[in-house]
């Protein structure tokens, strides 16, 4: 994870909104942007790719759900990004257009005690694959 810039630390300490959350280019589905565009936008605010999928720093509402889903499934976001970046970019776009947001939110709020997400989440197979891969390491 890249170290925070002084400006980023100052914003956090002051309680200012994260520039990630206010950046229009980082709010858009990632698959619609080149890696260079994403990295340039992240560098401008002193953040890393992994922070795109952090529940506290996610840049769009659907990415908060993705971050919470990965957390519930014990997926390390940094490792997932390092090994599955292109797949996560496509999953990000799928999630941004998903019609199951209420079911997702309810499952996450309910306590995630079962594998019901596999029924409604269009990214379930990817999350399961990443989770199994990480357990095997």
Protein backbone atom coordinates (compact mmCIF):
# COMPACT_ATOMS: atom_id res chain seq x y z
CA UNK A 1 0.00 0.00 0.00
CA UNK A 2 1.37 3.42 -0.94
CA UNK A 3 2.09 5.81 1.93
CA UNK A 4 -0.34 8.67 2.37
CA UNK A 5 0.72 12.12 1.30
CA UNK A 6 0.86 14.90 3.86
CA UNK A 7 -2.25 16.42 2.29
CA UNK A 8 -4.11 13.11 2.58
CA UNK A 9 -3.14 12.78 6.24
CA UNK A 10 -4.23 16.36 6.89
CA UNK A 11 -7.64 15.67 5.27
CA UNK A 12 -8.09 12.56 7.38
CA UNK A 13 -7.19 14.36 10.56
CA UNK A 14 -9.47 17.29 9.69
CA UNK A 15 -12.34 14.97 8.81
CA UNK A 16 -12.49 16.27 5.24
CA UNK A 17 -14.13 13.98 2.71
CA UNK A 18 -11.74 11.65 0.96
CA UNK A 19 -10.77 12.88 -2.51
CA UNK A 20 -11.41 9.32 -3.64
CA UNK A 21 -15.09 9.76 -2.86
CA UNK A 22 -15.31 13.05 -4.71
CA UNK A 23 -13.30 12.15 -7.81
CA UNK A 24 -15.69 11.67 -10.75
CA UNK A 25 -13.17 9.56 -12.67
CA UNK A 26 -12.77 7.20 -9.73
CA UNK A 27 -16.52 6.95 -9.17
CA UNK A 28 -17.10 5.58 -12.67
CA UNK A 29 -16.87 1.86 -13.39
CA UNK A 30 -13.19 0.93 -13.55
CA UNK A 31 -13.55 -1.19 -16.70
CA UNK A 32 -14.41 1.96 -18.65
CA UNK A 33 -10.98 3.46 -17.89
CA UNK A 34 -7.44 2.45 -18.72
CA UNK A 35 -5.11 1.34 -15.98
CA UNK A 36 -3.01 4.44 -16.65
CA UNK A 37 -6.02 6.73 -16.13
CA UNK A 38 -6.94 4.98 -12.89
CA UNK A 39 -3.37 5.07 -11.59
CA UNK A 40 -3.01 8.75 -12.51
CA UNK A 41 -6.23 9.65 -10.67
CA UNK A 42 -5.13 7.63 -7.64
CA UNK A 43 -1.64 9.17 -7.63
CA UNK A 44 -3.17 12.65 -7.72
CA UNK A 45 -4.81 12.00 -4.35
CA UNK A 46 -2.06 9.81 -2.87
CA UNK A 47 -3.96 6.53 -2.83
CA UNK A 48 -3.34 3.00 -4.11
CA UNK A 49 -5.50 0.59 -6.09
CA UNK A 50 -6.22 -1.42 -2.94
CA UNK A 51 -7.92 1.59 -1.40
CA UNK A 52 -10.51 1.53 -4.18
CA UNK A 53 -11.95 -1.54 -2.46
CA UNK A 54 -11.59 -0.43 1.15
CA UNK A 55 -14.95 -0.09 2.92
CA UNK A 56 -13.93 3.25 4.43
CA UNK A 57 -12.29 4.69 1.33
CA UNK A 58 -14.34 3.17 -1.48
CA UNK A 59 -15.03 5.64 -4.25
CA UNK A 60 -18.55 4.63 -5.21
CA UNK A 61 -21.53 3.04 -3.45
CA UNK A 62 -21.22 -0.21 -5.38
CA UNK A 63 -17.55 -0.41 -4.42
CA UNK A 64 -18.53 -0.19 -0.74
CA UNK A 65 -20.65 -3.30 -1.31
CA UNK A 66 -17.75 -5.01 -3.08
CA UNK A 67 -15.40 -4.09 -0.22
CA UNK A 68 -17.85 -5.39 2.37
CA UNK A 69 -18.43 -8.57 0.37
CA UNK A 70 -14.69 -9.20 0.07
CA UNK A 71 -14.31 -8.52 3.78
CA UNK A 72 -17.12 -10.92 4.64
CA UNK A 73 -15.46 -13.59 2.52
CA UNK A 74 -12.06 -12.90 4.10
CA UNK A 75 -10.53 -11.77 0.80
CA UNK A 76 -7.38 -9.69 1.07
CA UNK A 77 -8.03 -6.78 -1.32
CA UNK A 78 -4.34 -6.05 -1.94
CA UNK A 79 -3.62 -9.66 -2.92
CA UNK A 80 -6.78 -9.83 -5.02
CA UNK A 81 -5.82 -6.67 -6.90
CA UNK A 82 -2.27 -7.91 -7.42
CA UNK A 83 -3.47 -11.18 -8.97
CA UNK A 84 -6.94 -10.42 -10.38
CA UNK A 85 -6.93 -6.72 -11.32
CA UNK A 86 -8.58 -7.08 -14.74
CA UNK A 87 -11.26 -9.44 -13.38
CA UNK A 88 -11.97 -7.04 -10.51
CA UNK A 89 -12.31 -4.16 -12.96
CA UNK A 90 -14.98 -6.16 -14.83
CA UNK A 91 -16.62 -7.16 -11.52
CA UNK A 92 -16.68 -3.49 -10.54
CA UNK A 93 -18.63 -2.64 -13.69
CA UNK A 94 -21.01 -5.57 -13.14
CA UNK A 95 -21.61 -4.47 -9.56
CA UNK A 96 -22.23 -0.86 -10.65
CA UNK A 97 -25.13 -2.09 -12.82
CA UNK A 98 -26.45 -4.80 -10.50
CA UNK A 99 -30.15 -5.02 -9.78
CA UNK A 100 -29.63 -6.98 -6.54
CA UNK A 101 -28.36 -4.11 -4.38
CA UNK A 102 -31.09 -4.53 -1.75
CA UNK A 103 -30.46 -8.27 -1.42
CA UNK A 104 -26.72 -7.60 -1.17
CA UNK A 105 -27.21 -4.96 1.49
CA UNK A 106 -29.57 -7.22 3.47
CA UNK A 107 -27.17 -10.17 3.27
CA UNK A 108 -24.28 -8.03 4.46
CA UNK A 109 -26.38 -6.54 7.28
CA UNK A 110 -27.81 -9.92 8.31
CA UNK A 111 -24.45 -11.19 9.37
CA UNK A 112 -23.28 -13.14 6.34
CA UNK A 113 -23.96 -16.48 7.97
CA UNK A 114 -24.49 -18.46 4.81
CA UNK A 115 -23.59 -18.66 1.16
CA UNK A 116 -26.82 -17.05 -0.08
CA UNK A 117 -24.75 -14.42 -1.91
CA UNK A 118 -23.99 -17.16 -4.46
CA UNK A 119 -27.64 -17.01 -5.54
CA UNK A 120 -27.91 -13.25 -6.15
CA UNK A 121 -24.39 -11.87 -6.64
CA UNK A 122 -23.23 -11.86 -10.27
CA UNK A 123 -19.63 -11.71 -8.99
CA UNK A 124 -19.97 -14.65 -6.59
CA UNK A 125 -17.94 -17.07 -8.71
CA UNK A 126 -15.04 -14.60 -8.92
CA UNK A 127 -15.14 -13.90 -5.19
CA UNK A 128 -15.23 -17.64 -4.45
CA UNK A 129 -12.31 -18.28 -6.81
CA UNK A 130 -10.21 -15.53 -5.22
CA UNK A 131 -11.13 -16.64 -1.71
CA UNK A 132 -10.20 -20.27 -2.42
CA UNK A 133 -6.94 -19.19 -4.03
CA UNK A 134 -6.03 -17.08 -1.01
CA UNK A 135 -6.90 -19.88 1.44
CA UNK A 136 -4.55 -22.19 -0.46
CA UNK A 137 -1.56 -19.88 -0.01
